[in-house]
Protein backbone atom coordinates (compact mmCIF):
# COMPACT_ATOMS: atom_id res chain seq x y z
CA MET A 1 -8.15 -35.93 30.37
CA LEU A 2 -4.77 -34.16 30.24
CA LEU A 3 -6.47 -30.76 30.41
CA ARG A 4 -8.43 -31.84 33.50
CA ARG A 5 -5.23 -33.00 35.23
CA LEU A 6 -3.54 -29.70 34.45
CA LEU A 7 -6.42 -27.63 35.80
CA THR A 8 -6.67 -29.65 39.04
CA ARG A 9 -3.02 -30.02 39.90
CA PRO A 10 -1.86 -31.20 43.37
CA GLU A 11 -0.42 -28.64 45.76
CA ASP A 12 3.12 -29.96 45.28
CA LYS A 13 2.91 -29.28 41.53
CA LEU A 14 3.32 -25.96 39.77
CA PRO A 15 -0.02 -24.14 39.37
CA VAL A 16 -1.35 -23.66 35.85
CA SER A 17 -1.05 -19.86 36.18
CA THR A 18 2.68 -20.15 36.83
CA CYS A 19 3.14 -22.60 33.95
CA VAL A 20 1.27 -20.23 31.66
CA GLY A 21 3.25 -17.24 32.93
CA TYR A 22 6.47 -19.06 32.19
CA GLY A 23 5.27 -20.31 28.81
CA VAL A 24 4.12 -16.89 27.58
CA GLY A 25 7.69 -15.65 27.74
CA GLN A 26 8.50 -17.84 24.77
CA VAL A 27 6.21 -15.73 22.56
CA GLY A 28 8.67 -12.85 22.68
CA GLY A 29 11.61 -15.21 22.74
CA GLN A 30 10.41 -16.96 19.60
CA ILE A 31 9.86 -13.68 17.76
CA LEU A 32 13.40 -12.62 18.67
CA ARG A 33 14.78 -15.97 17.61
CA ASP A 34 12.79 -16.70 14.45
CA THR A 35 11.60 -13.47 12.86
CA PRO A 36 15.04 -12.00 12.16
CA ALA A 37 16.24 -15.44 11.03
CA LEU A 38 13.34 -15.70 8.58
CA ILE A 39 12.98 -12.09 7.43
CA LEU A 40 16.36 -10.36 7.81
CA PRO A 41 18.03 -12.19 4.87
CA ILE A 42 15.27 -11.31 2.39
CA TYR A 43 14.99 -7.76 3.83
CA MET A 44 18.72 -7.10 3.61
CA THR A 45 19.06 -8.48 0.05
CA THR A 46 15.86 -7.19 -1.60
CA VAL A 47 15.12 -3.94 0.30
CA LEU A 48 18.49 -2.69 1.51
CA GLY A 49 20.30 -4.11 -1.51
CA MET A 50 23.07 -5.77 0.50
CA GLU A 51 25.19 -8.39 -1.20
CA PRO A 52 24.13 -11.82 0.25
CA ALA A 53 27.51 -12.86 1.63
CA LEU A 54 27.95 -9.44 3.33
CA ALA A 55 24.47 -9.72 4.84
CA GLY A 56 25.40 -13.13 6.18
CA LEU A 57 28.60 -11.77 7.70
CA SER A 58 26.61 -9.05 9.48
CA ILE A 59 24.31 -11.66 11.00
CA VAL A 60 27.21 -13.88 12.10
CA ILE A 61 29.12 -11.04 13.79
CA ALA A 62 26.09 -9.91 15.76
CA LYS A 63 25.15 -13.45 16.76
CA CYS A 64 28.69 -14.52 17.67
CA TRP A 65 28.61 -11.84 20.36
CA ALA A 66 26.35 -14.35 22.13
CA VAL A 67 29.43 -16.49 22.77
CA ALA A 68 30.45 -13.85 25.31
CA ALA A 69 27.07 -12.28 26.16
CA ASP A 70 25.24 -15.50 27.00
CA PRO A 71 27.82 -16.86 29.49
CA LEU A 72 28.09 -13.42 31.10
CA ALA A 73 24.30 -13.24 31.45
CA GLY A 74 24.31 -16.70 33.00
CA VAL A 75 27.11 -16.00 35.49
CA ILE A 76 25.69 -12.63 36.52
CA SER A 77 22.20 -14.00 37.06
CA ASP A 78 23.63 -17.00 38.97
CA ARG A 79 25.29 -14.64 41.45
CA SER A 80 22.62 -11.95 41.72
CA SER A 81 19.80 -11.56 44.21
CA SER A 82 16.90 -9.15 44.53
CA ARG A 83 13.38 -9.03 45.89
CA TRP A 84 12.24 -10.01 42.39
CA GLY A 85 14.49 -13.07 42.31
CA ARG A 86 17.81 -13.49 40.58
CA ARG A 87 16.54 -14.22 37.05
CA ARG A 88 13.46 -12.06 36.53
CA PRO A 89 15.11 -8.57 36.63
CA PHE A 90 17.43 -9.57 33.79
CA ILE A 91 14.53 -11.03 31.85
CA LEU A 92 12.65 -7.75 32.16
CA ALA A 93 15.56 -5.49 31.18
CA GLY A 94 16.73 -7.72 28.35
CA GLY A 95 13.29 -8.22 26.87
CA LEU A 96 12.50 -4.51 26.76
CA LEU A 97 15.91 -3.64 25.26
CA ALA A 98 15.43 -6.30 22.59
CA ALA A 99 11.90 -5.05 21.82
CA LEU A 100 13.17 -1.50 21.16
CA SER A 101 16.10 -2.76 19.09
CA PHE A 102 13.77 -4.89 16.97
CA LEU A 103 11.91 -1.78 15.88
CA VAL A 104 15.12 0.13 15.09
CA LEU A 105 16.44 -2.80 13.06
CA PHE A 106 13.79 -2.22 10.39
CA LEU A 107 14.09 1.57 10.45
CA ALA A 108 17.36 1.64 8.54
CA PRO A 109 17.93 5.23 7.27
CA GLY A 110 18.69 5.90 3.62
CA LEU A 111 22.30 4.84 3.83
CA GLN A 112 24.35 4.62 0.67
CA GLY A 113 26.96 1.97 0.05
CA GLN A 114 27.51 -1.55 1.27
CA ALA A 115 29.89 -0.51 4.06
CA ALA A 116 27.44 1.93 5.70
CA LEU A 117 24.60 -0.60 5.55
CA PHE A 118 26.84 -3.28 6.95
CA VAL A 119 27.90 -1.16 9.95
CA TYR A 120 24.34 -0.05 10.75
CA MET A 121 22.77 -3.50 10.57
CA THR A 122 25.60 -5.16 12.46
CA LEU A 123 25.54 -2.60 15.30
CA VAL A 124 21.76 -2.59 15.79
CA TYR A 125 21.53 -6.37 15.54
CA LEU A 126 24.36 -6.68 18.08
CA ILE A 127 22.43 -4.50 20.56
CA LEU A 128 19.30 -6.56 19.94
CA ASN A 129 21.23 -9.75 20.66
CA THR A 130 22.62 -8.27 23.87
CA GLY A 131 19.06 -7.76 25.09
CA TYR A 132 18.13 -11.21 23.85
CA SER A 133 20.99 -12.75 25.87
CA LEU A 134 19.89 -10.96 29.05
CA PHE A 135 16.37 -12.29 28.42
CA SER A 136 16.91 -15.79 27.08
CA VAL A 137 19.58 -17.23 29.39
CA PRO A 138 17.81 -16.48 32.71
CA TYR A 139 14.51 -17.51 31.10
CA LEU A 140 15.85 -20.87 30.01
CA THR A 141 17.52 -21.41 33.38
CA MET A 142 14.30 -20.84 35.32
CA ALA A 143 12.83 -24.14 34.11
CA SER A 144 15.54 -26.16 35.85
CA GLU A 145 14.92 -24.30 39.14
CA MET A 146 11.13 -24.26 39.29
CA THR A 147 10.75 -27.98 40.06
CA PRO A 148 13.12 -30.87 40.91
CA ASP A 149 10.85 -33.42 39.15
CA PRO A 150 12.09 -34.34 35.62
CA ASN A 151 8.57 -35.23 34.43
CA GLU A 152 7.19 -32.00 35.88
CA ARG A 153 9.85 -30.08 33.97
CA THR A 154 8.68 -31.78 30.78
CA THR A 155 5.14 -30.59 31.56
CA LEU A 156 6.40 -27.06 32.28
CA LEU A 157 8.36 -27.03 29.03
CA SER A 158 5.31 -28.26 27.14
CA PHE A 159 3.68 -24.92 28.06
CA ARG A 160 6.78 -23.21 26.72
CA ASN A 161 6.55 -25.20 23.51
CA ALA A 162 2.84 -24.46 23.16
CA PHE A 163 3.54 -20.72 23.36
CA LEU A 164 6.49 -21.29 21.07
CA GLY A 165 3.83 -22.09 18.49
CA VAL A 166 2.02 -18.84 19.30
CA GLY A 167 5.27 -16.91 18.92
CA LEU A 168 5.92 -18.66 15.64
CA ILE A 169 2.48 -17.64 14.37
CA LEU A 170 3.12 -14.01 15.32
CA GLY A 171 6.73 -13.81 14.21
CA GLY A 172 6.59 -16.20 11.28
CA ALA A 173 3.06 -15.73 9.96
CA LEU A 174 1.83 -12.30 11.03
CA ALA A 175 5.18 -10.57 10.43
CA PRO A 176 5.41 -11.28 6.67
CA LYS A 177 1.66 -10.82 6.32
CA LEU A 178 1.95 -7.30 7.74
CA VAL A 179 4.50 -6.50 5.02
CA ALA A 180 2.12 -7.87 2.37
CA TRP A 181 -0.83 -5.88 3.76
CA VAL A 182 1.10 -2.61 3.69
CA VAL A 183 2.21 -3.25 0.11
CA ALA A 184 -1.35 -4.20 -0.91
CA ALA A 185 -2.56 -0.92 0.63
CA GLY A 186 -0.19 1.05 -1.61
CA GLY A 187 2.87 1.27 0.63
CA THR A 188 6.39 0.30 -0.26
CA PRO A 189 8.03 -2.96 0.95
CA GLY A 190 10.30 -0.81 3.15
CA GLN A 191 7.28 0.75 4.85
CA GLY A 192 5.80 -2.71 5.30
CA TYR A 193 8.88 -3.85 7.19
CA GLN A 194 8.71 -0.75 9.41
CA VAL A 195 5.10 -1.50 10.40
CA MET A 196 6.05 -5.10 11.03
CA GLY A 197 8.97 -4.03 13.25
CA LEU A 198 6.68 -1.83 15.37
CA VAL A 199 4.02 -4.53 15.88
CA MET A 200 6.55 -7.25 16.69
CA GLY A 201 8.40 -4.94 19.10
CA ILE A 202 5.17 -4.35 21.02
CA ALA A 203 4.50 -8.10 21.13
CA ILE A 204 7.99 -8.77 22.53
CA ALA A 205 7.53 -6.14 25.24
CA ALA A 206 4.08 -7.46 26.22
CA SER A 207 5.36 -11.03 26.43
CA THR A 208 8.25 -9.93 28.63
CA LEU A 209 5.98 -8.11 31.05
CA TRP A 210 3.59 -11.08 31.32
CA LEU A 211 6.49 -13.43 32.04
CA PHE A 212 7.91 -11.09 34.67
CA PHE A 213 4.66 -10.73 36.59
CA GLY A 214 3.29 -14.21 35.85
CA THR A 215 6.22 -16.00 37.51
CA ARG A 216 6.53 -13.79 40.59
CA SER A 217 5.51 -16.72 42.87
CA ALA A 218 7.59 -19.36 41.08
CA PRO A 219 10.16 -21.31 43.15
CA ALA A 220 13.74 -20.22 42.60
CA ALA A 221 17.10 -21.55 43.78
CA ALA A 222 19.22 -19.36 46.02
CA PRO A 223 22.41 -17.82 44.63
CA THR A 224 25.56 -19.87 45.06
CA GLU A 225 27.83 -18.42 47.72
CA ALA A 226 30.99 -19.66 45.97
CA SER A 227 32.26 -17.30 43.30
CA VAL A 228 33.30 -19.30 40.22
CA PRO A 229 35.12 -17.48 37.37
CA LEU A 230 33.68 -17.63 33.88
CA LEU A 231 36.42 -19.87 32.46
CA GLU A 232 35.94 -22.24 35.38
CA GLN A 233 32.21 -22.31 34.64
CA LEU A 234 32.99 -23.34 31.07
CA ARG A 235 35.33 -26.03 32.34
CA ILE A 236 32.51 -27.31 34.53
CA ALA A 237 30.22 -27.41 31.52
CA TRP A 238 32.84 -29.41 29.61
CA ALA A 239 33.11 -31.86 32.53
CA ASN A 240 29.36 -32.56 32.32
CA LYS A 241 29.59 -35.23 29.61
CA PRO A 242 25.84 -35.63 28.96
CA PHE A 243 25.64 -31.85 28.53
CA VAL A 244 28.59 -31.81 26.13
CA VAL A 245 27.06 -34.55 23.98
CA LEU A 246 23.75 -32.69 23.88
CA ILE A 247 25.14 -29.31 22.83
CA THR A 248 27.46 -30.91 20.28
CA ALA A 249 24.45 -32.46 18.58
CA ASN A 250 22.61 -29.16 18.92
CA ILE A 251 25.37 -27.30 17.08
CA VAL A 252 24.68 -29.46 14.04
CA GLN A 253 20.91 -29.15 14.42
CA TYR A 254 20.96 -25.37 14.82
CA ILE A 255 23.22 -24.84 11.82
CA SER A 256 20.68 -26.86 9.88
CA ALA A 257 17.82 -24.82 11.32
CA GLY A 258 19.61 -21.58 10.42
CA MET A 259 19.84 -22.70 6.80
CA SER A 260 16.12 -23.52 6.77
CA TYR A 261 15.12 -20.18 8.28
CA ALA A 262 17.38 -18.07 6.07
CA GLY A 263 16.44 -20.02 2.96
CA GLY A 264 12.68 -20.05 3.50
CA PHE A 265 11.74 -16.95 1.54
CA PHE A 266 14.29 -17.69 -1.18
CA PHE A 267 12.95 -21.23 -1.65
CA PHE A 268 9.30 -20.16 -1.72
CA ALA A 269 9.71 -16.97 -3.72
CA TYR A 270 12.28 -18.16 -6.23
CA ALA A 271 12.53 -21.98 -6.36
CA LEU A 272 8.76 -22.54 -6.12
CA GLY A 273 8.11 -19.52 -8.37
CA LEU A 274 5.78 -17.70 -5.97
CA GLY A 275 7.50 -14.31 -6.14
CA PHE A 276 5.94 -11.78 -3.76
CA ARG A 277 3.10 -14.29 -3.20
CA ALA A 278 5.52 -15.91 -0.76
CA PHE A 279 4.51 -13.21 1.75
CA ASP A 280 0.98 -14.66 1.61
CA VAL A 281 1.91 -18.35 1.43
CA ILE A 282 4.53 -18.45 4.19
CA PRO A 283 2.09 -17.16 6.86
CA ILE A 284 -0.29 -20.06 6.10
CA TRP A 285 2.64 -22.48 6.11
CA VAL A 286 3.80 -21.17 9.50
CA ILE A 287 0.30 -21.36 10.99
CA ILE A 288 -0.04 -25.00 9.94
CA ILE A 289 3.36 -25.76 11.48
CA SER A 290 2.41 -23.97 14.69
CA VAL A 291 -1.02 -25.59 15.09
CA SER A 292 0.46 -29.00 14.38
CA SER A 293 3.21 -28.39 16.94
CA ILE A 294 0.80 -27.20 19.63
CA ALA A 295 -1.60 -30.10 19.04
CA SER A 296 1.22 -32.63 19.31
CA MET A 297 2.44 -31.55 22.77
CA PRO A 298 0.25 -33.90 24.89
CA ALA A 299 1.17 -36.89 22.72
CA LEU A 300 4.87 -36.02 22.87
CA VAL A 301 4.81 -35.66 26.66
CA TRP A 302 3.12 -39.08 26.87
CA ALA A 303 5.58 -40.64 24.42
CA ALA A 304 8.56 -39.26 26.33
CA ALA A 305 7.27 -40.78 29.58
CA ARG A 306 6.46 -44.09 27.85
CA PHE A 307 9.46 -44.61 25.56
CA GLY A 308 12.06 -42.18 26.91
CA LYS A 309 13.01 -38.66 25.90
CA MET A 310 16.04 -39.64 23.84
CA THR A 311 14.15 -42.24 21.81
CA VAL A 312 11.45 -39.73 20.91
CA TYR A 313 14.13 -37.12 20.20
CA LYS A 314 15.91 -39.31 17.64
CA TRP A 315 12.76 -40.48 15.88
CA CYS A 316 11.58 -36.88 15.50
CA LEU A 317 14.89 -35.97 13.84
CA VAL A 318 14.57 -38.83 11.35
CA LEU A 319 10.92 -38.19 10.54
CA PHE A 320 11.55 -34.46 10.11
CA ALA A 321 14.29 -35.17 7.57
CA LEU A 322 12.03 -37.56 5.67
CA SER A 323 9.01 -35.26 5.66
CA ILE A 324 10.78 -32.33 3.96
CA GLN A 325 11.77 -34.51 0.97
CA ALA A 326 8.23 -34.01 -0.32
CA TYR A 327 9.28 -30.46 -1.27
CA PHE A 328 10.87 -31.98 -4.38
CA VAL A 329 7.38 -32.50 -5.90
CA ALA A 330 6.01 -29.10 -4.81
CA ASP A 331 5.52 -26.07 -7.03
CA ALA A 332 3.37 -22.94 -7.20
CA ASP A 333 0.41 -24.98 -8.47
CA SER A 334 0.58 -27.76 -5.88
CA LEU A 335 0.68 -25.96 -2.58
CA TRP A 336 -1.14 -28.86 -0.92
CA VAL A 337 2.30 -30.54 -0.79
CA VAL A 338 3.65 -27.53 1.09
CA TRP A 339 0.78 -27.74 3.58
CA LEU A 340 1.38 -31.47 4.06
CA VAL A 341 5.06 -30.91 4.73
CA ALA A 342 4.12 -28.16 7.20
CA VAL A 343 2.15 -30.68 9.27
CA GLY A 344 5.18 -32.96 9.44
CA ILE A 345 7.49 -30.08 10.34
CA GLY A 346 5.19 -28.95 13.13
CA LEU A 347 4.95 -32.42 14.63
CA PHE A 348 8.55 -33.56 14.32
CA ASN A 349 10.34 -30.21 14.65
CA GLY A 350 8.26 -29.43 17.73
CA GLY A 351 9.05 -32.90 19.04
CA PHE A 352 12.81 -32.71 18.89
CA ILE A 353 12.81 -29.14 20.24
CA LEU A 354 10.74 -30.21 23.25
CA MET A 355 12.91 -33.26 23.89
CA SER A 356 16.11 -31.24 23.48
CA PHE A 357 15.10 -28.68 26.10
CA SER A 358 13.75 -31.32 28.46
CA VAL A 359 17.01 -33.31 28.23
CA LEU A 360 18.90 -30.04 28.81
CA THR A 361 17.13 -29.50 32.12
CA ASP A 362 18.09 -33.06 33.10
CA THR A 363 21.78 -32.35 32.48
CA ILE A 364 21.54 -29.08 34.44
CA ASN A 365 19.79 -30.75 37.34
CA TYR A 366 22.40 -33.53 37.25
CA ASP A 367 25.17 -30.94 37.66
CA ARG A 368 23.39 -29.34 40.63
CA LEU A 369 22.89 -32.69 42.36
CA GLN A 370 26.51 -33.71 41.77
CA SER A 371 28.12 -30.42 42.77
CA GLY A 372 25.68 -28.92 45.26
CA LEU A 373 26.16 -25.57 43.49
CA SER A 374 23.71 -23.41 41.52
CA ARG A 375 25.45 -23.24 38.15
CA GLU A 376 22.32 -23.43 36.04
CA GLY A 377 22.90 -20.05 34.43
CA ALA A 378 26.38 -20.93 33.16
CA LEU A 379 25.22 -24.20 31.61
CA SER A 380 22.09 -22.63 30.11
CA SER A 381 24.18 -19.81 28.67
CA VAL A 382 26.43 -22.24 26.81
CA TYR A 383 23.38 -23.98 25.38
CA SER A 384 21.79 -20.66 24.44
CA ALA A 385 24.97 -19.46 22.73
CA VAL A 386 25.11 -22.68 20.71
CA ASP A 387 21.53 -22.04 19.58
CA LYS A 388 22.21 -18.48 18.45
CA VAL A 389 25.62 -19.01 16.88
CA GLY A 390 24.52 -22.22 15.18
CA ASN A 391 21.53 -20.50 13.60
CA ALA A 392 23.70 -17.56 12.54
CA LEU A 393 26.29 -19.83 10.96
CA GLY A 394 23.53 -21.65 9.10
CA ALA A 395 22.16 -18.37 7.77
CA ALA A 396 25.62 -17.15 6.78
CA ILE A 397 26.37 -20.41 4.99
CA PHE A 398 23.14 -20.19 3.01
CA LEU A 399 23.67 -16.53 2.11
CA ALA A 400 27.27 -17.17 1.11
CA PHE A 401 25.97 -20.00 -1.05
CA LEU A 402 23.62 -17.54 -2.76
CA SER A 403 26.56 -15.28 -3.59
CA LEU A 404 28.53 -18.27 -4.85
CA ILE A 405 25.81 -19.38 -7.29
CA GLY A 406 25.26 -15.85 -8.61
CA PHE A 407 22.04 -14.72 -6.90
CA ARG A 408 20.94 -11.22 -7.98
CA GLU A 409 19.97 -8.84 -5.14
CA SER A 410 17.80 -5.68 -5.39
CA ALA A 411 17.22 -2.48 -3.39
CA ASP A 412 13.54 -1.71 -4.05
CA GLY A 413 11.78 -4.78 -2.67
CA SER A 414 11.47 -6.44 -6.07
CA MET A 415 12.45 -10.05 -6.67
CA LEU A 416 14.65 -10.15 -9.74
CA GLU A 417 14.56 -13.07 -12.15
CA GLN A 418 17.20 -15.71 -11.43
CA THR A 419 18.79 -18.26 -13.74
CA ASP A 420 17.61 -21.88 -13.84
CA GLU A 421 20.91 -22.96 -12.30
CA VAL A 422 20.37 -20.65 -9.33
CA LEU A 423 16.84 -21.98 -8.82
CA ARG A 424 17.96 -25.64 -8.95
CA SER A 425 20.80 -24.92 -6.54
CA ILE A 426 18.48 -23.27 -4.03
CA THR A 427 16.12 -26.27 -4.17
CA LEU A 428 18.82 -28.88 -3.64
CA PHE A 429 20.54 -26.98 -0.85
CA TYR A 430 17.33 -26.10 1.01
CA ILE A 431 16.00 -29.68 1.06
CA LEU A 432 18.99 -31.98 1.24
CA VAL A 433 21.49 -30.22 3.50
CA PRO A 434 19.18 -29.75 6.54
CA ALA A 435 17.97 -33.34 6.22
CA LEU A 436 21.51 -34.69 6.24
CA LEU A 437 22.55 -32.53 9.19
CA HIS A 438 19.52 -33.43 11.31
CA THR A 439 19.89 -37.17 10.79
CA GLY A 440 23.67 -36.95 11.15
CA SER A 441 23.29 -35.42 14.61
CA ILE A 442 21.84 -38.73 15.81
CA LEU A 443 25.33 -40.23 15.61
CA ILE A 444 26.33 -37.73 18.29
CA LEU A 445 23.24 -38.27 20.43
CA ASN A 446 24.00 -42.00 20.50
CA ARG A 447 26.81 -41.13 22.92
CA TYR A 448 24.41 -39.55 25.44
CA ARG A 449 24.45 -41.43 28.76
CA LEU A 450 22.53 -40.24 31.80
CA ASP A 451 20.81 -42.72 34.11
CA PRO A 452 17.40 -41.32 35.23
CA GLN A 453 18.21 -42.61 38.73
CA LYS A 454 21.00 -40.04 38.95
CA LEU A 455 18.43 -37.25 38.57
CA LYS A 456 16.74 -38.06 41.86
CA ASP A 457 17.54 -35.72 44.72
CA PRO A 458 18.68 -37.81 47.73
CA ALA A 459 16.76 -35.40 49.97
CA GLN A 460 13.57 -36.34 48.16
CA THR A 461 14.09 -40.12 48.52
């Protein structure tokens, strides 16, 4: 029924081809967001031999650049104009720069010493994040401009979330599997990461090109004539109270997500005792999460329309936190528990991500209706920076925790034996801390107030 409605959409609705073109962009975006978060920590500590806390610092420095790069990308794209639109040229340039940088990130030369490795990884990752900012902020902003209808934006973002699952399969499942295949074929772990970097770089570039050409007929708001300085844009964001509540909750959620991403390989390989088998198990785990997330999109769109976005948002946070507690009874011989948890993660993680982005577009549209100005890029950039910095802080916290408990790193791709205390600490941190942060963010979301009636354009009524 839903598929039939999508394929026979009224003329005043976005065509399926445009929705697909927009959604495909998230494939590359998800690889850029998730693959480094999942793989860089284990790569830096078991292949490059970097001390965990130093690896975490490298990630944080590169990601914190987003605090400046994302708002700049938003302001510049707000004020620009071209025959390709004001967002799409930045999406194209940023996506291709990020694709090239992704490859170089896993081509680290034979550098000796922690300092040299730290400088190389920080610099390359910083360039990658510059490209990612140029791509992600205009991309996110486009959703608030393509239709004035809040429910239609939820439908548009459901395409984005569906392709988010595809990107997660490529970046979270195929990426580690490529490393495992190269090693199984007689290559070294380092060579496996190089092959993975090349394949993922090509996928990012292809996704960027599809997005650029697939949205060429999409509606777009005109640039704002008034020139508003960056600090004034941030003040405007602060004045949008629903937006402030949302991003404050997101800071907590993204720190939690960063811990989960960074800790994934360490939990599977060490705490569950899988060792290098984790490179075979995690791809299956990611695929289950992705399929579950994609399959849940129609039900989540319906639930949001029936019960309200914020209600669904909060319930997904609670149920996500509860579902991951089952990890306490999982081990290398009971992977069915891991698969069961993956279903819950796909459903509930996908749910609160969809609701978060849909609520974001409401707050952006609210600002436009109240001010009469096109400041979508500035607001989206703040949200995007919160995403990136929050994830980086989460990763840094987890890696610093590894150093604190005495984790032993290596430089040849091997996974050294850890003490029982280290293994117990990884388990407790990986399961309990994200659950507490996700549920705790609901206390912040309870302060969100935005009457749906305020989202209606007077010109449309």
